[in-house]
């Protein structure tokens, strides 16, 4: 088993008033190991993007702990420690159109982190590094002098990936990086992420709602619903042996590339089942966890 790179313990992220909070993330726990990809899936509004943004410190968390390489990243940190953390963890955003500054060239967007961290001060060395990053994501060195409006959506997302790689991080949060792209481009970007992960020994938290794509890229999958992780396990296990009714409902909605099979396949509607304070993650099989009460677990296990 590889070393734990990230540990999330009872993370809570609430918004609104203390008397009537919106519980975007409500007490979730999971680990991510070095070199793996954890896919975080769920419907819109379930809290998966909020989880990613909380991990990377875009939000001050309400409660819980987030440990990165054994250190609590939300505890009091010196400016130097925060800089080191920011170099180690980067994010690829969902919207390639909104995530790039239209007044900056691609080269300036990629190199912005160099100025913050005092890297590559020599102009020739900087240009060479920017060129290498552009080529690593499938673009040309000449693209460094172009502005965002001169690129397609897929090319803009490649620039976003190059920017995330610019500080040589060990962990990348990919927040629905393909959802705004054409279907024909999505597979190219996912294959690019897989290749870069292998070349640079990266660890990913891959947030998405496209279950078929998540299965392709992820080693393990966490299914999220109403701010809770309701099922967590290895990718093949989750797809072949789902236990939580919500996971079954999600998988039944994945379209199949076969009109005959698709026509006769049964859709499984999900009816929310209330849980009480005794609900927790149960290890029903090795490395396969399901959230629920004891009575719910007994009922769901009988249906398997």
Protein backbone atom coordinates (compact mmCIF):
# COMPACT_ATOMS: atom_id res chain seq x y z
CA UNK A 1 0.00 0.00 0.00
CA UNK A 2 1.34 3.42 -0.95
CA UNK A 3 1.73 6.21 1.59
CA UNK A 4 -1.22 8.44 2.42
CA UNK A 5 -0.77 11.78 0.70
CA UNK A 6 -4.06 13.37 1.81
CA UNK A 7 -6.29 12.58 4.80
CA UNK A 8 -9.72 14.19 5.13
CA UNK A 9 -11.25 13.70 8.58
CA UNK A 10 -14.87 14.63 9.35
CA UNK A 11 -14.80 17.60 6.96
CA UNK A 12 -17.72 20.01 7.31
CA UNK A 13 -18.32 23.02 5.09
CA UNK A 14 -21.44 25.01 5.98
CA UNK A 15 -22.71 28.23 4.44
CA UNK A 16 -25.36 30.72 5.50
CA UNK A 17 -26.42 31.61 9.03
CA UNK A 18 -25.39 29.48 12.03
CA UNK A 19 -29.08 29.03 12.93
CA UNK A 20 -30.02 27.70 9.49
CA UNK A 21 -26.84 26.51 7.77
CA UNK A 22 -26.60 25.03 4.29
CA UNK A 23 -24.61 21.83 4.84
CA UNK A 24 -22.72 21.62 1.55
CA UNK A 25 -20.27 19.08 3.01
CA UNK A 26 -21.43 17.30 6.13
CA UNK A 27 -18.80 15.28 7.95
CA UNK A 28 -16.99 13.28 5.25
CA UNK A 29 -13.76 11.30 5.67
CA UNK A 30 -11.48 9.69 3.09
CA UNK A 31 -7.80 9.18 2.24
CA UNK A 32 -5.89 9.55 -1.03
CA UNK A 33 -2.69 7.57 -1.57
CA UNK A 34 0.40 8.63 -3.50
CA UNK A 35 0.13 7.98 -7.23
CA UNK A 36 -3.58 7.10 -7.30
CA UNK A 37 -6.65 8.79 -8.74
CA UNK A 38 -9.70 9.07 -6.49
CA UNK A 39 -12.84 9.84 -8.46
CA UNK A 40 -15.46 11.90 -6.61
CA UNK A 41 -18.88 11.63 -8.27
CA UNK A 42 -22.42 12.73 -7.62
CA UNK A 43 -25.21 14.90 -8.96
CA UNK A 44 -24.99 18.69 -9.19
CA UNK A 45 -25.20 20.30 -5.75
CA UNK A 46 -24.05 17.25 -3.80
CA UNK A 47 -20.94 19.06 -2.48
CA UNK A 48 -18.16 17.51 -4.56
CA UNK A 49 -16.72 20.79 -5.92
CA UNK A 50 -17.03 22.37 -2.48
CA UNK A 51 -14.97 19.47 -1.13
CA UNK A 52 -12.20 20.16 -3.63
CA UNK A 53 -12.20 23.88 -2.94
CA UNK A 54 -12.09 23.27 0.82
CA UNK A 55 -9.11 20.94 0.45
CA UNK A 56 -7.13 23.52 -1.51
CA UNK A 57 -7.99 26.28 1.01
CA UNK A 58 -10.28 28.35 -1.22
CA UNK A 59 -12.71 28.13 1.71
CA UNK A 60 -12.10 28.27 5.45
CA UNK A 61 -13.59 24.99 6.62
CA UNK A 62 -16.34 24.87 9.25
CA UNK A 63 -14.96 21.83 11.06
CA UNK A 64 -12.75 18.78 10.64
CA UNK A 65 -9.16 18.19 9.62
CA UNK A 66 -7.35 18.02 6.28
CA UNK A 67 -3.86 16.52 6.52
CA UNK A 68 -1.47 16.82 3.57
CA UNK A 69 1.70 14.78 4.01
CA UNK A 70 0.77 14.48 7.68
CA UNK A 71 0.37 18.23 8.29
CA UNK A 72 -2.91 19.99 9.05
CA UNK A 73 -3.23 22.49 6.21
CA UNK A 74 -5.97 24.56 7.87
CA UNK A 75 -4.09 25.05 11.14
CA UNK A 76 -2.14 28.27 11.68
CA UNK A 77 0.56 28.40 9.02
CA UNK A 78 3.41 30.78 8.41
CA UNK A 79 3.62 32.53 5.06
CA UNK A 80 6.54 30.29 4.08
CA UNK A 81 4.58 27.11 4.92
CA UNK A 82 1.59 28.31 2.89
CA UNK A 83 3.83 28.98 -0.10
CA UNK A 84 5.23 25.48 0.10
CA UNK A 85 1.73 24.03 0.33
CA UNK A 86 0.55 26.07 -2.65
CA UNK A 87 3.40 24.69 -4.75
CA UNK A 88 2.55 21.11 -3.80
CA UNK A 89 -1.20 21.29 -4.52
CA UNK A 90 -2.78 22.78 -7.66
CA UNK A 91 -6.23 22.84 -9.23
CA UNK A 92 -7.64 22.47 -12.74
CA UNK A 93 -10.93 24.36 -12.94
CA UNK A 94 -14.17 23.35 -14.63
CA UNK A 95 -14.67 26.29 -17.00
CA UNK A 96 -11.73 26.80 -19.39
CA UNK A 97 -13.27 30.09 -20.56
CA UNK A 98 -13.61 31.70 -17.13
CA UNK A 99 -10.38 30.35 -15.60
CA UNK A 100 -8.02 32.24 -17.95
CA UNK A 101 -7.49 36.00 -17.77
CA UNK A 102 -8.40 37.42 -21.22
CA UNK A 103 -5.77 40.17 -20.79
CA UNK A 104 -2.92 37.69 -20.35
CA UNK A 105 -1.17 35.60 -22.97
CA UNK A 106 -0.94 31.85 -22.44
CA UNK A 107 2.70 32.24 -21.46
CA UNK A 108 1.86 34.91 -18.88
CA UNK A 109 -0.93 32.77 -17.40
CA UNK A 110 1.38 29.76 -17.06
CA UNK A 111 4.25 31.79 -15.59
CA UNK A 112 2.22 33.78 -13.05
CA UNK A 113 3.21 31.30 -10.35
CA UNK A 114 6.89 31.81 -11.16
CA UNK A 115 6.64 35.45 -10.04
CA UNK A 116 4.83 34.55 -6.82
CA UNK A 117 7.40 31.92 -5.87
CA UNK A 118 10.49 33.64 -7.31
CA UNK A 119 11.24 30.96 -9.91
CA UNK A 120 12.92 31.15 -13.33
CA UNK A 121 13.98 34.78 -13.10
CA UNK A 122 16.19 34.45 -16.17
CA UNK A 123 14.03 35.29 -19.22
CA UNK A 124 15.59 32.66 -21.47
CA UNK A 125 15.17 29.95 -18.84
CA UNK A 126 11.56 31.04 -18.26
CA UNK A 127 10.69 30.91 -21.97
CA UNK A 128 12.23 27.45 -22.22
CA UNK A 129 10.23 26.15 -19.27
CA UNK A 130 6.96 27.63 -20.59
CA UNK A 131 7.66 26.04 -23.98
CA UNK A 132 8.29 22.66 -22.36
CA UNK A 133 5.02 22.89 -20.44
CA UNK A 134 3.05 23.78 -23.56
CA UNK A 135 4.56 20.86 -25.46
CA UNK A 136 3.84 18.54 -22.52
CA UNK A 137 0.10 19.27 -22.87
CA UNK A 138 0.05 18.95 -26.66
CA UNK A 139 0.40 22.61 -27.69
CA UNK A 140 3.14 24.46 -29.57
CA UNK A 141 5.74 26.80 -28.11
CA UNK A 142 4.42 29.60 -30.36
CA UNK A 143 1.11 29.45 -28.47
CA UNK A 144 2.77 31.22 -25.53
CA UNK A 145 2.21 34.60 -27.22
CA UNK A 146 -1.50 34.11 -27.95
CA UNK A 147 -4.43 35.33 -25.86
CA UNK A 148 -7.26 33.22 -24.48
CA UNK A 149 -9.79 34.22 -27.16
CA UNK A 150 -7.51 32.74 -29.84
CA UNK A 151 -7.89 29.20 -28.44
CA UNK A 152 -10.65 26.61 -28.55
CA UNK A 153 -12.16 25.24 -25.33
CA UNK A 154 -9.98 22.13 -25.43
CA UNK A 155 -6.85 24.20 -25.99
CA UNK A 156 -7.75 26.53 -23.11
CA UNK A 157 -8.14 23.55 -20.79
CA UNK A 158 -4.71 22.33 -21.89
CA UNK A 159 -3.32 25.74 -20.90
CA UNK A 160 -5.07 25.34 -17.53
CA UNK A 161 -3.38 21.96 -17.13
CA UNK A 162 0.02 23.46 -18.06
CA UNK A 163 -0.53 26.20 -15.47
CA UNK A 164 -1.35 23.58 -12.82
CA UNK A 165 1.88 21.74 -13.70
CA UNK A 166 4.05 24.87 -13.72
CA UNK A 167 5.13 24.62 -10.07
CA UNK A 168 5.77 20.86 -10.27
CA UNK A 169 3.06 19.84 -7.74
CA UNK A 170 2.56 16.36 -6.30
CA UNK A 171 -1.26 16.60 -6.00
CA UNK A 172 -3.81 18.01 -8.44
CA UNK A 173 -7.54 18.55 -7.90
CA UNK A 174 -9.32 18.30 -11.24
CA UNK A 175 -12.73 19.92 -10.74
CA UNK A 176 -14.90 18.59 -13.58
CA UNK A 177 -12.13 19.39 -16.11
CA UNK A 178 -13.99 17.92 -19.10
CA UNK A 179 -17.64 18.81 -18.47
CA UNK A 180 -17.48 22.04 -20.51
CA UNK A 181 -15.74 20.40 -23.48
CA UNK A 182 -17.09 18.71 -26.60
CA UNK A 183 -17.44 14.95 -26.28
CA UNK A 184 -14.83 14.47 -29.03
CA UNK A 185 -12.28 16.43 -26.95
CA UNK A 186 -13.07 14.92 -23.54
CA UNK A 187 -11.25 11.64 -24.17
CA UNK A 188 -8.17 13.52 -25.41
CA UNK A 189 -7.97 15.58 -22.22
CA UNK A 190 -8.50 12.54 -19.96
CA UNK A 191 -5.80 10.59 -21.83
CA UNK A 192 -3.51 13.61 -21.45
CA UNK A 193 -4.14 13.65 -17.68
CA UNK A 194 -3.37 9.93 -17.43
CA UNK A 195 -0.14 10.29 -19.41
CA UNK A 196 1.04 13.26 -17.35
CA UNK A 197 0.21 11.40 -14.13
CA UNK A 198 2.42 8.50 -15.17
CA UNK A 199 5.28 10.73 -16.34
CA UNK A 200 5.29 12.99 -13.27
CA UNK A 201 4.08 10.58 -10.56
CA UNK A 202 1.07 12.76 -9.76
CA UNK A 203 -1.87 12.08 -7.47
CA UNK A 204 -5.36 13.21 -8.55
CA UNK A 205 -8.69 13.99 -6.98
CA UNK A 206 -10.88 13.77 -10.10
CA UNK A 207 -14.28 15.41 -9.56
CA UNK A 208 -16.95 14.65 -12.16
CA UNK A 209 -20.50 13.56 -12.80
CA UNK A 210 -19.72 11.47 -15.91
CA UNK A 211 -19.53 8.01 -14.35
CA UNK A 212 -18.20 6.25 -17.44
CA UNK A 213 -15.25 8.65 -17.65
CA UNK A 214 -14.61 8.40 -13.90
CA UNK A 215 -14.40 4.61 -14.17
CA UNK A 216 -11.82 4.96 -16.93
CA UNK A 217 -9.45 7.26 -15.04
CA UNK A 218 -9.99 6.36 -11.35
CA UNK A 219 -8.42 3.72 -9.14
CA UNK A 220 -11.06 4.24 -6.44
CA UNK A 221 -14.43 6.01 -6.49
CA UNK A 222 -16.29 7.93 -3.81
CA UNK A 223 -20.00 8.53 -4.44
CA UNK A 224 -21.38 11.71 -2.84
CA UNK A 225 -24.99 12.63 -2.04
CA UNK A 226 -26.34 15.55 0.02
CA UNK A 227 -22.93 16.38 1.46
CA UNK A 228 -22.17 12.78 2.49
CA UNK A 229 -20.00 10.07 0.96
CA UNK A 230 -22.47 7.21 0.62
CA UNK A 231 -20.20 4.63 -1.01
CA UNK A 232 -16.44 4.30 -1.41
CA UNK A 233 -14.39 1.56 -2.99
CA UNK A 234 -12.21 0.40 -5.85
CA UNK A 235 -13.45 1.42 -9.29
CA UNK A 236 -14.38 -2.04 -10.59
CA UNK A 237 -16.00 -2.98 -7.29
CA UNK A 238 -18.26 0.10 -7.25
CA UNK A 239 -19.37 -0.50 -10.85
CA UNK A 240 -19.82 -4.25 -10.62
CA UNK A 241 -21.15 -4.52 -7.07
CA UNK A 242 -22.91 -1.29 -6.02
CA UNK A 243 -24.72 -1.56 -2.69
CA UNK A 244 -26.12 1.85 -1.75
CA UNK A 245 -29.43 2.55 -3.58
CA UNK A 246 -28.17 5.96 -4.70
CA UNK A 247 -25.10 4.43 -6.35
CA UNK A 248 -27.34 1.92 -8.14
CA UNK A 249 -29.56 4.77 -9.30
CA UNK A 250 -26.58 6.72 -10.66
CA UNK A 251 -25.19 3.73 -12.53
CA UNK A 252 -28.58 2.91 -14.05
CA UNK A 253 -28.59 6.39 -15.65
CA UNK A 254 -25.25 5.91 -17.46
CA UNK A 255 -26.06 5.60 -21.20
CA UNK A 256 -24.87 2.44 -22.94
CA UNK A 257 -23.54 2.49 -26.54
CA UNK A 258 -25.95 -0.24 -27.58
CA UNK A 259 -29.51 0.70 -28.62
CA UNK A 260 -30.91 -2.78 -27.95
CA UNK A 261 -29.47 -3.03 -24.43
CA UNK A 262 -30.36 0.59 -23.69
CA UNK A 263 -33.97 0.04 -24.72
CA UNK A 264 -34.61 -2.84 -22.30
CA UNK A 265 -32.46 -1.65 -19.42
CA UNK A 266 -34.27 -0.85 -16.18
CA UNK A 267 -33.89 2.61 -14.66
CA UNK A 268 -33.68 2.65 -10.87
CA UNK A 269 -35.23 5.80 -9.33
CA UNK A 270 -33.73 6.78 -6.00
CA UNK A 271 -36.00 7.67 -3.10
CA UNK A 272 -34.09 9.42 -0.32
CA UNK A 273 -33.93 7.35 2.83
CA UNK A 274 -33.57 9.32 6.05
CA UNK A 275 -30.74 8.32 8.38
CA UNK A 276 -30.23 9.04 12.05
CA UNK A 277 -27.15 9.87 14.11
CA UNK A 278 -26.07 6.21 14.14
CA UNK A 279 -25.38 6.21 10.38
CA UNK A 280 -21.72 5.70 9.46
CA UNK A 281 -19.47 4.14 6.82
CA UNK A 282 -19.52 0.32 7.10
CA UNK A 283 -16.81 -1.82 5.50
CA UNK A 284 -19.06 -4.37 3.82
CA UNK A 285 -16.22 -5.92 1.80
CA UNK A 286 -12.44 -5.33 1.92
CA UNK A 287 -11.87 -1.66 0.94
CA UNK A 288 -15.58 -1.24 0.08
CA UNK A 289 -17.48 1.15 2.38
CA UNK A 290 -21.19 2.03 2.44
CA UNK A 291 -22.88 4.77 4.51
CA UNK A 292 -26.00 3.93 6.46
CA UNK A 293 -27.53 2.70 9.69
CA UNK A 294 -27.36 -0.93 10.85
CA UNK A 295 -30.97 -1.57 9.76
CA UNK A 296 -30.33 -0.02 6.34
CA UNK A 297 -27.20 -2.12 5.86
CA UNK A 298 -29.11 -5.30 6.69
CA UNK A 299 -31.83 -4.38 4.20
CA UNK A 300 -29.40 -3.44 1.41
CA UNK A 301 -27.27 -6.54 1.92
CA UNK A 302 -30.36 -8.75 1.48
CA UNK A 303 -30.95 -7.15 -1.96
CA UNK A 304 -27.48 -8.03 -3.24
